[in-house]
Every structure is written in C-alpha cells, then in structure tokens.
C-alpha atoms as a PDB file:
ATOM      1  CA  MET A   1       4.506   0.442 -17.815  1.00  0.00           C
ATOM      2  CA  ILE A   2       5.966   3.002 -15.424  1.00  0.00           C
ATOM      3  CA  ASN A   3       9.158   4.825 -15.487  1.00  0.00           C
ATOM      4  CA  PRO A   4      11.793   2.418 -14.020  1.00  0.00           C
ATOM      5  CA  GLU A   5      13.263   5.282 -11.971  1.00  0.00           C
ATOM      6  CA  ILE A   6       9.906   5.875 -10.298  1.00  0.00           C
ATOM      7  CA  ALA A   7       9.569   2.099  -9.714  1.00  0.00           C
ATOM      8  CA  SER A   8      13.028   1.960  -8.117  1.00  0.00           C
ATOM      9  CA  HIS A   9      12.302   5.023  -5.920  1.00  0.00           C
ATOM     10  CA  ILE A  10       9.074   3.338  -4.671  1.00  0.00           C
ATOM     11  CA  ARG A  11      10.790   0.079  -4.059  1.00  0.00           C
ATOM     12  CA  LYS A  12      13.309   1.747  -1.653  1.00  0.00           C
ATOM     13  CA  ASP A  13      10.573   2.614   0.823  1.00  0.00           C
ATOM     14  CA  PRO A  14      12.344   2.216   4.180  1.00  0.00           C
ATOM     15  CA  TYR A  15       9.245   1.187   6.135  1.00  0.00           C
ATOM     16  CA  ALA A  16       8.049  -1.432   3.621  1.00  0.00           C
ATOM     17  CA  ASN A  17      11.584  -2.915   3.579  1.00  0.00           C
ATOM     18  CA  TRP A  18      11.742  -2.842   7.416  1.00  0.00           C
ATOM     19  CA  LEU A  19       8.331  -4.544   7.578  1.00  0.00           C
ATOM     20  CA  GLY A  20       9.505  -7.201   5.079  1.00  0.00           C
ATOM     21  CA  ALA A  21       6.879  -6.378   2.497  1.00  0.00           C
ATOM     22  CA  THR A  22       7.572  -7.188  -1.098  1.00  0.00           C
ATOM     23  CA  ILE A  23       6.380  -4.771  -3.789  1.00  0.00           C
ATOM     24  CA  GLU A  24       5.692  -7.388  -6.469  1.00  0.00           C
ATOM     25  CA  THR A  25       4.052  -5.223  -9.183  1.00  0.00           C
ATOM     26  CA  ILE A  26       3.812  -1.575  -9.907  1.00  0.00           C
ATOM     27  CA  GLU A  27       1.795  -0.364 -12.920  1.00  0.00           C
ATOM     28  CA  PRO A  28       0.107   3.039 -13.580  1.00  0.00           C
ATOM     29  CA  GLY A  29      -2.564   3.163 -10.930  1.00  0.00           C
ATOM     30  CA  TYR A  30      -1.988  -0.345  -9.679  1.00  0.00           C
ATOM     31  CA  SER A  31       0.270  -2.271  -7.262  1.00  0.00           C
ATOM     32  CA  ARG A  32       0.483  -5.650  -5.571  1.00  0.00           C
ATOM     33  CA  VAL A  33       2.421  -5.974  -2.272  1.00  0.00           C
ATOM     34  CA  SER A  34       2.839  -8.989   0.005  1.00  0.00           C
ATOM     35  CA  LEU A  35       4.169 -10.286   3.164  1.00  0.00           C
ATOM     36  CA  VAL A  36       4.021 -13.236   5.520  1.00  0.00           C
ATOM     37  CA  VAL A  37       2.792 -12.631   9.010  1.00  0.00           C
ATOM     38  CA  SER A  38       5.471 -13.408  11.606  1.00  0.00           C
ATOM     39  CA  GLU A  39       5.336 -13.740  15.393  1.00  0.00           C
ATOM     40  CA  SER A  40       6.414 -10.219  15.880  1.00  0.00           C
ATOM     41  CA  MET A  41       3.471  -8.995  13.804  1.00  0.00           C
ATOM     42  CA  LEU A  42       0.913 -10.456  16.245  1.00  0.00           C
ATOM     43  CA  SER A  43      -1.279  -8.458  18.639  1.00  0.00           C
ATOM     44  CA  PHE A  44      -1.715  -9.413  22.295  1.00  0.00           C
ATOM     45  CA  HIS A  45      -4.654 -11.385  21.110  1.00  0.00           C
ATOM     46  CA  GLY A  46      -2.368 -13.708  19.150  1.00  0.00           C
ATOM     47  CA  MET A  47      -3.725 -12.520  15.744  1.00  0.00           C
ATOM     48  CA  GLY A  48      -2.166 -10.361  13.066  1.00  0.00           C
ATOM     49  CA  HIS A  49      -2.137  -6.845  14.278  1.00  0.00           C
ATOM     50  CA  GLY A  50      -4.624  -4.532  12.566  1.00  0.00           C
ATOM     51  CA  GLY A  51      -1.918  -1.927  12.204  1.00  0.00           C
ATOM     52  CA  LEU A  52       0.051  -4.460  10.117  1.00  0.00           C
ATOM     53  CA  VAL A  53      -2.735  -5.052   7.757  1.00  0.00           C
ATOM     54  CA  PHE A  54      -3.378  -1.369   7.426  1.00  0.00           C
ATOM     55  CA  SER A  55       0.308  -0.883   6.738  1.00  0.00           C
ATOM     56  CA  LEU A  56       0.405  -3.438   3.987  1.00  0.00           C
ATOM     57  CA  GLY A  57      -2.630  -1.634   2.365  1.00  0.00           C
ATOM     58  CA  ASP A  58      -0.994   1.578   2.746  1.00  0.00           C
ATOM     59  CA  ILE A  59       2.213   0.474   1.099  1.00  0.00           C
ATOM     60  CA  ALA A  60       0.212  -0.816  -1.798  1.00  0.00           C
ATOM     61  CA  PHE A  61      -1.785   2.495  -1.931  1.00  0.00           C
ATOM     62  CA  ALA A  62       1.524   4.453  -1.890  1.00  0.00           C
ATOM     63  CA  ALA A  63       2.955   2.543  -4.800  1.00  0.00           C
ATOM     64  CA  ALA A  64      -0.167   2.726  -6.966  1.00  0.00           C
ATOM     65  CA  SER A  65      -0.875   6.447  -6.254  1.00  0.00           C
ATOM     66  CA  ASN A  66       2.692   7.599  -6.796  1.00  0.00           C
ATOM     67  CA  SER A  67       3.145   5.302  -9.872  1.00  0.00           C
ATOM     68  CA  HIS A  68       2.325   8.264 -12.221  1.00  0.00           C
ATOM     69  CA  GLY A  69       5.309  10.144 -10.983  1.00  0.00           C
ATOM     70  CA  GLN A  70       3.373  12.888  -9.186  1.00  0.00           C
ATOM     71  CA  THR A  71       3.652  13.125  -5.474  1.00  0.00           C
ATOM     72  CA  ALA A  72       0.435  11.546  -3.826  1.00  0.00           C
ATOM     73  CA  LEU A  73      -0.257  11.370  -0.129  1.00  0.00           C
ATOM     74  CA  ALA A  74      -3.237   9.887   1.809  1.00  0.00           C
ATOM     75  CA  LEU A  75      -5.982  12.384   2.516  1.00  0.00           C
ATOM     76  CA  ASN A  76      -8.153   9.824   4.327  1.00  0.00           C
ATOM     77  CA  VAL A  77      -8.503   6.070   4.641  1.00  0.00           C
ATOM     78  CA  ALA A  78     -11.492   3.796   5.639  1.00  0.00           C
ATOM     79  CA  VAL A  79     -10.826   0.289   6.577  1.00  0.00           C
ATOM     80  CA  ASN A  80     -13.238  -2.617   7.089  1.00  0.00           C
ATOM     81  CA  PHE A  81     -11.604  -5.617   8.663  1.00  0.00           C
ATOM     82  CA  LEU A  82     -13.491  -8.661   7.350  1.00  0.00           C
ATOM     83  CA  ARG A  83     -11.530 -11.454   9.113  1.00  0.00           C
ATOM     84  CA  ALA A  84      -8.601 -11.828  11.459  1.00  0.00           C
ATOM     85  CA  THR A  85      -5.188 -12.681  10.161  1.00  0.00           C
ATOM     86  CA  ALA A  86      -2.898 -15.365  11.751  1.00  0.00           C
ATOM     87  CA  LEU A  87       0.708 -16.349  12.200  1.00  0.00           C
ATOM     88  CA  GLY A  88       2.019 -17.609   8.830  1.00  0.00           C
ATOM     89  CA  ASP A  89      -0.703 -15.955   6.728  1.00  0.00           C
ATOM     90  CA  HIS A  90       0.643 -14.802   3.303  1.00  0.00           C
ATOM     91  CA  LEU A  91      -1.148 -11.551   2.913  1.00  0.00           C
ATOM     92  CA  VAL A  92      -1.440  -9.803  -0.577  1.00  0.00           C
ATOM     93  CA  ALA A  93      -2.643  -6.237  -0.904  1.00  0.00           C
ATOM     94  CA  GLU A  94      -3.777  -5.040  -4.328  1.00  0.00           C
ATOM     95  CA  ALA A  95      -4.416  -1.316  -4.902  1.00  0.00           C
ATOM     96  CA  THR A  96      -6.397  -0.258  -7.885  1.00  0.00           C
ATOM     97  CA  GLU A  97      -7.116   3.232  -9.030  1.00  0.00           C
ATOM     98  CA  VAL A  98     -10.839   4.030  -9.252  1.00  0.00           C
ATOM     99  CA  ARG A  99     -10.580   7.642 -10.306  1.00  0.00           C
ATOM    100  CA  LEU A 100      -7.818  10.129 -10.884  1.00  0.00           C
ATOM    101  CA  GLY A 101      -8.761  13.659 -11.570  1.00  0.00           C
ATOM    102  CA  GLY A 102      -7.867  17.229 -10.473  1.00  0.00           C
ATOM    103  CA  ALA A 103      -6.139  17.353  -7.125  1.00  0.00           C
ATOM    104  CA  THR A 104      -7.515  14.072  -5.732  1.00  0.00           C
ATOM    105  CA  ALA A 105      -7.593  10.360  -6.652  1.00  0.00           C
ATOM    106  CA  LEU A 106      -9.571   7.390  -5.259  1.00  0.00           C
ATOM    107  CA  TYR A 107      -8.303   3.831  -4.841  1.00  0.00           C
ATOM    108  CA  ASP A 108      -9.669   0.464  -3.779  1.00  0.00           C
ATOM    109  CA  ILE A 109      -7.361  -1.912  -1.894  1.00  0.00           C
ATOM    110  CA  VAL A 110      -8.153  -5.473  -1.041  1.00  0.00           C
ATOM    111  CA  VAL A 111      -5.969  -7.575   1.121  1.00  0.00           C
ATOM    112  CA  THR A 112      -6.406 -11.327   0.761  1.00  0.00           C
ATOM    113  CA  GLU A 113      -4.727 -14.326   2.325  1.00  0.00           C
ATOM    114  CA  LYS A 114      -2.899 -15.982  -0.621  1.00  0.00           C
ATOM    115  CA  ILE A 115      -3.466 -19.661   0.381  1.00  0.00           C
ATOM    116  CA  VAL A 116      -7.254 -19.540   1.020  1.00  0.00           C
ATOM    117  CA  ASN A 117      -7.850 -16.422  -1.057  1.00  0.00           C
ATOM    118  CA  SER A 118     -10.039 -14.886   1.558  1.00  0.00           C
ATOM    119  CA  TRP A 119     -10.534 -11.151   2.197  1.00  0.00           C
ATOM    120  CA  SER A 120      -9.004  -9.646   5.287  1.00  0.00           C
ATOM    121  CA  PRO A 121      -9.790  -5.936   4.998  1.00  0.00           C
ATOM    122  CA  LYS A 122     -11.225  -3.762   2.369  1.00  0.00           C
ATOM    123  CA  VAL A 123      -9.480  -0.303   2.275  1.00  0.00           C
ATOM    124  CA  ARG A 124     -10.602   2.759   0.436  1.00  0.00           C
ATOM    125  CA  PRO A 125      -8.081   5.665   0.609  1.00  0.00           C
ATOM    126  CA  ARG A 126      -8.407   9.024  -1.165  1.00  0.00           C
ATOM    127  CA  SER A 127      -5.206  10.826  -2.019  1.00  0.00           C
ATOM    128  CA  ILE A 128      -4.306  14.486  -2.482  1.00  0.00           C
ATOM    129  CA  LEU A 129      -1.985  15.217  -5.384  1.00  0.00           C
ATOM    130  CA  SER A 130       0.872  17.737  -5.161  1.00  0.00           C
ATOM    131  CA  ALA A 131       2.209  19.732  -7.963  1.00  0.00           C
ATOM    132  CA  LYS A 132       5.572  18.478  -7.029  1.00  0.00           C
ATOM    133  CA  PRO A 133       7.069  15.594  -9.073  1.00  0.00           C
ATOM    134  CA  LEU A 134       7.976  12.401  -7.094  1.00  0.00           C
ATOM    135  CA  SER A 135      11.552  12.877  -7.916  1.00  0.00           C
ATOM    136  CA  GLU A 136      11.661  16.137  -5.889  1.00  0.00           C
ATOM    137  CA  LEU A 137      10.761  14.390  -2.731  1.00  0.00           C
ATOM    138  CA  GLU A 138      14.351  13.386  -2.124  1.00  0.00           C
ATOM    139  CA  GLN A 139      15.055  17.046  -1.569  1.00  0.00           C
ATOM    140  CA  GLY A 140      13.144  17.073   1.727  1.00  0.00           C
ATOM    141  CA  PRO A 141       9.556  17.113   3.138  1.00  0.00           C
ATOM    142  CA  GLY A 142       6.796  19.384   2.175  1.00  0.00           C
ATOM    143  CA  LEU A 143       4.272  19.642  -0.625  1.00  0.00           C
END
C-alpha cells in the first residue's frame, strides 16, 4: 500500500483529469488507469489518436513510477501500436515495474480494450529518479 498523500497527489494530475482518465489503482510500482474514447479523441482517420493511447500509458507510468514517493520522470519511451482504437473503446493501461535500482527504473505498460481484452500498444518506458521527494514538486519545477 502506498502513502495516501502520495496517491492523492498523483490523482490530482491536471492532464489526466482534463483527459477524463480515471486512475483506478496505485500500488508500489503498479498502476491501472482507464478512459473511454470519445469523438474528440479521434484522429482524422476516424480512429483513436495515437497520442491519446500514448498519454494513457504515460499517465499509468507516472502513477506507478512515482508511487514510491520519489520523483520519477520519463527518460525514454518505446511504443508498439498493435491495433487501432475506436470510438467508444474502454481503454485500460496497466503499468508494472520491471526493475528499480540506482538512478533508473524500467516499466512495462500494456493498454487493452476492456470489452474484448485485446492489446492496443505495448509501451516500455525507462525513468530517471531524482533525489527530490515527490512532495517537493509542489514547490516548482526542476530536479
């Protein structure tokens, strides 16, 4: 179980809230985030925008990687889009810590469509850890 203050801080993410993403679960090194694809989230191809799917994975990654209370930021991210998403899809992103050590950590993120349980992208971000506790972020930007 994580510190309730850390969970509260993570759940106040302005971008996640603006996007309509729900941070369902936050545990040490793990999170689950979901949203339903609306018309405003479609690309000009009429399918879910890749940036939306990336954002959902990034929100899950941010929650999981910061769940320890230490500031963690993305160092790099690789995404493999395995299928297109569509209007009305209920997307679920699960971020799982693979390795935590030293100044970096590695996570796997899988985004699935809840109804048919099929993979959309597979995301693998690496984070860089700051010596700054997460609670100090409210004081302003910078590591």
